[in-house]
Amino acid sequence: MRKIYIFFIIIFGLIIFLDSSFIPKIGVNQIDTKTVKPSLQTASFMPELIENDAVFMQVPDTLSWKLLGVIKFIKKPDKDYPDGVMFPIVNSTLKEKNKKKIVMSGFIIPIDNVSYALSKNVFASCFFCGQAGPETIMGIKFKGATPKLKTDQYVTMEGTFRYNDNDVNDWIYHIENAVIIKGGK
């Protein structure tokens, strides 16, 4: 047991030594503080940085259909619908995730020849068939070319989350810059 502790201490010390030996040595007087941009200092084992200002890459949140289903609707007048229309009131948790990276899983639903949506349910039970509400589907805008997908294909996607609470002719939820990370061919 004692040998294992000594082994881990030696490995840990070696990692610290190797990490510090690759840091460039700069004297305090060699730094021009007027031209150097302040940035976050990062450990060498986390090199994934976003391009500007050395900010760590955003780790995507995994959304669930249950969370997307926590929604209320309020009837408001609309120029296209004289009797009024139901507008969504998106919950505060989802509002915080707006324009942030997310991961979401669901079934592919074709909308037309070139666009798809991600659904909580298979096509036969999706909201246009009367089995669910509009909160059970997300519009998809793919990063790059739209892949060939099959109806009811179950996929997991990563992309940027966006909600819509003011345009009645658009989806409530969207996943933009979407990339299939599981379930695609």
Protein backbone atom coordinates (compact mmCIF):
# COMPACT_ATOMS: atom_id res chain seq x y z
CA MET A 1 0.00 0.00 0.00
CA ARG A 2 2.85 2.37 0.87
CA LYS A 3 4.47 1.68 -2.53
CA ILE A 4 1.29 2.87 -4.28
CA TYR A 5 1.35 6.18 -2.36
CA ILE A 6 5.03 6.71 -3.19
CA PHE A 7 4.34 5.88 -6.86
CA PHE A 8 1.52 8.47 -7.06
CA ILE A 9 3.63 11.13 -5.30
CA ILE A 10 6.46 10.57 -7.78
CA ILE A 11 4.09 10.73 -10.77
CA PHE A 12 2.41 13.88 -9.41
CA GLY A 13 5.82 15.52 -8.82
CA LEU A 14 6.94 14.56 -12.33
CA ILE A 15 3.79 16.11 -13.85
CA ILE A 16 4.34 19.34 -11.92
CA PHE A 17 8.01 19.43 -12.90
CA LEU A 18 7.29 18.80 -16.61
CA ASP A 19 4.46 21.34 -16.61
CA SER A 20 6.59 24.06 -15.02
CA SER A 21 9.58 23.35 -17.25
CA PHE A 22 7.57 24.31 -20.35
CA ILE A 23 6.45 27.71 -19.02
CA PRO A 24 8.52 30.46 -20.65
CA LYS A 25 10.56 32.47 -18.20
CA ILE A 26 9.82 36.19 -18.62
CA GLY A 27 11.37 38.81 -16.43
CA VAL A 28 9.06 41.40 -14.90
CA ASN A 29 10.85 44.22 -16.72
CA GLN A 30 10.36 42.52 -20.10
CA ILE A 31 6.55 42.87 -20.10
CA ASP A 32 5.03 45.93 -21.76
CA THR A 33 1.79 46.36 -19.79
CA LYS A 34 0.38 48.84 -22.32
CA THR A 35 0.31 46.34 -25.20
CA VAL A 36 -0.36 43.10 -23.32
CA LYS A 37 -4.04 42.13 -23.17
CA PRO A 38 -5.14 40.75 -19.79
CA SER A 39 -6.25 37.13 -20.02
CA LEU A 40 -7.01 34.16 -17.85
CA GLN A 41 -4.12 31.93 -16.90
CA THR A 42 -4.85 28.33 -17.79
CA ALA A 43 -3.37 25.03 -16.75
CA SER A 44 -1.47 23.20 -19.47
CA PHE A 45 -3.83 20.23 -19.30
CA MET A 46 -6.76 22.43 -20.48
CA PRO A 47 -5.63 23.96 -23.78
CA GLU A 48 -9.16 24.28 -25.23
CA LEU A 49 -9.62 28.02 -25.43
CA ILE A 50 -12.03 30.18 -27.33
CA GLU A 51 -10.18 32.47 -29.71
CA ASN A 52 -10.64 35.85 -28.04
CA ASP A 53 -9.39 36.78 -24.58
CA ALA A 54 -8.46 33.23 -23.62
CA VAL A 55 -11.87 32.29 -22.19
CA PHE A 56 -12.50 28.61 -21.56
CA MET A 57 -14.69 26.79 -24.07
CA GLN A 58 -18.26 26.57 -22.93
CA VAL A 59 -19.26 23.10 -21.76
CA PRO A 60 -22.71 22.31 -23.16
CA ASP A 61 -25.65 21.72 -20.83
CA THR A 62 -27.81 18.71 -21.50
CA LEU A 63 -31.41 19.78 -21.88
CA SER A 64 -34.36 17.49 -21.28
CA TRP A 65 -37.83 17.43 -22.76
CA LYS A 66 -39.16 17.60 -19.22
CA LEU A 67 -37.46 20.99 -18.73
CA LEU A 68 -38.70 22.24 -22.11
CA GLY A 69 -42.20 21.15 -21.07
CA VAL A 70 -42.22 23.49 -18.07
CA ILE A 71 -43.97 26.26 -19.99
CA LYS A 72 -47.10 28.36 -19.75
CA PHE A 73 -49.09 30.10 -22.44
CA ILE A 74 -50.96 33.39 -22.44
CA LYS A 75 -53.50 34.52 -25.01
CA LYS A 76 -52.53 37.80 -26.68
CA PRO A 77 -53.82 39.71 -29.67
CA ASP A 78 -51.88 39.38 -32.91
CA LYS A 79 -52.24 41.23 -36.24
CA ASP A 80 -52.52 37.93 -38.16
CA TYR A 81 -54.94 36.30 -35.69
CA PRO A 82 -57.81 38.64 -34.73
CA ASP A 83 -59.15 36.28 -32.04
CA GLY A 84 -55.73 36.18 -30.36
CA VAL A 85 -53.12 33.49 -30.14
CA MET A 86 -51.37 31.61 -27.35
CA PHE A 87 -47.86 32.99 -26.73
CA PRO A 88 -45.36 30.93 -24.71
CA ILE A 89 -43.96 32.08 -21.38
CA VAL A 90 -40.55 30.37 -21.25
CA ASN A 91 -39.29 29.40 -17.79
CA SER A 92 -36.34 31.25 -16.23
CA THR A 93 -34.01 28.22 -16.35
CA LEU A 94 -34.34 28.06 -20.13
CA LYS A 95 -34.00 31.83 -20.47
CA GLU A 96 -30.58 31.53 -18.80
CA LYS A 97 -29.54 28.93 -21.40
CA ASN A 98 -30.45 31.16 -24.36
CA LYS A 99 -27.57 31.42 -26.86
CA LYS A 100 -25.53 28.87 -24.89
CA LYS A 101 -24.23 25.48 -25.99
CA ILE A 102 -26.52 22.57 -25.26
CA VAL A 103 -26.87 18.87 -25.94
CA MET A 104 -30.32 17.51 -26.80
CA SER A 105 -31.65 14.12 -27.88
CA GLY A 106 -34.81 13.31 -29.77
CA PHE A 107 -36.47 11.97 -32.90
CA ILE A 108 -35.97 13.52 -36.34
CA ILE A 109 -39.16 14.89 -37.90
CA PRO A 110 -39.00 16.10 -41.52
CA ILE A 111 -40.69 19.48 -42.04
CA ASP A 112 -40.14 19.73 -45.79
CA ASN A 113 -37.52 18.54 -48.28
CA VAL A 114 -34.73 20.56 -46.68
CA SER A 115 -35.59 21.16 -43.02
CA TYR A 116 -36.01 18.99 -39.98
CA ALA A 117 -37.11 19.34 -36.38
CA LEU A 118 -36.07 17.44 -33.27
CA SER A 119 -39.04 15.95 -31.42
CA LYS A 120 -39.70 14.42 -28.03
CA ASN A 121 -41.98 11.92 -29.77
CA VAL A 122 -41.94 9.89 -32.95
CA PHE A 123 -43.73 11.37 -35.97
CA ALA A 124 -47.02 9.54 -35.29
CA SER A 125 -47.21 11.11 -31.80
CA CYS A 126 -45.70 14.53 -32.46
CA PHE A 127 -47.66 17.69 -31.76
CA PHE A 128 -49.01 18.17 -35.29
CA CYS A 129 -50.86 14.88 -34.80
CA GLY A 130 -52.57 16.11 -31.64
CA GLN A 131 -50.62 14.02 -29.13
CA ALA A 132 -48.43 16.76 -27.61
CA GLY A 133 -47.81 20.50 -27.55
CA PRO A 134 -45.49 22.78 -29.53
CA GLU A 135 -42.98 22.66 -26.65
CA THR A 136 -42.16 19.05 -27.62
CA ILE A 137 -40.32 20.03 -30.79
CA MET A 138 -37.22 22.09 -31.65
CA GLY A 139 -36.35 23.66 -34.96
CA ILE A 140 -32.91 22.60 -36.22
CA LYS A 141 -30.42 24.73 -38.11
CA PHE A 142 -27.39 22.62 -38.95
CA LYS A 143 -23.82 23.83 -38.94
CA GLY A 144 -22.71 23.31 -42.52
CA ALA A 145 -24.62 21.11 -44.94
CA THR A 146 -27.85 19.44 -43.85
CA PRO A 147 -27.21 15.71 -43.42
CA LYS A 148 -29.51 13.06 -44.85
CA LEU A 149 -31.77 11.90 -42.05
CA LYS A 150 -34.63 9.46 -41.69
CA THR A 151 -37.99 10.08 -40.07
CA ASP A 152 -37.97 8.95 -36.41
CA GLN A 153 -34.19 8.52 -36.39
CA TYR A 154 -33.08 9.02 -32.76
CA VAL A 155 -30.12 11.40 -32.51
CA THR A 156 -28.20 13.42 -29.98
CA MET A 157 -27.19 16.90 -31.10
CA GLU A 158 -24.94 19.62 -29.84
CA GLY A 159 -25.57 23.23 -30.75
CA THR A 160 -26.66 26.65 -29.56
CA PHE A 161 -30.01 26.92 -27.80
CA ARG A 162 -32.41 29.69 -28.70
CA TYR A 163 -35.95 30.27 -27.57
CA ASN A 164 -38.69 32.28 -29.26
CA ASP A 165 -41.48 33.82 -27.23
CA ASN A 166 -42.77 36.47 -29.64
CA ASP A 167 -43.11 35.05 -33.19
CA VAL A 168 -46.17 32.80 -33.43
CA ASN A 169 -45.09 31.56 -36.87
CA ASP A 170 -41.82 30.07 -35.57
CA TRP A 171 -40.85 27.23 -33.24
CA ILE A 172 -40.65 28.01 -29.53
CA TYR A 173 -37.30 26.23 -29.20
CA HIS A 174 -34.37 26.01 -31.60
CA ILE A 175 -31.01 24.31 -31.80
CA GLU A 176 -28.68 26.28 -34.08
CA ASN A 177 -25.23 25.38 -35.42
CA ALA A 178 -26.35 21.83 -34.72
CA VAL A 179 -24.02 18.88 -35.09
CA ILE A 180 -25.13 15.28 -34.64
CA ILE A 181 -22.88 13.72 -32.02
CA LYS A 182 -24.69 10.38 -31.69
CA GLY A 183 -27.10 8.43 -33.83
CA GLY A 184 -26.14 9.85 -37.23
CA LYS A 185 -24.73 7.76 -40.05
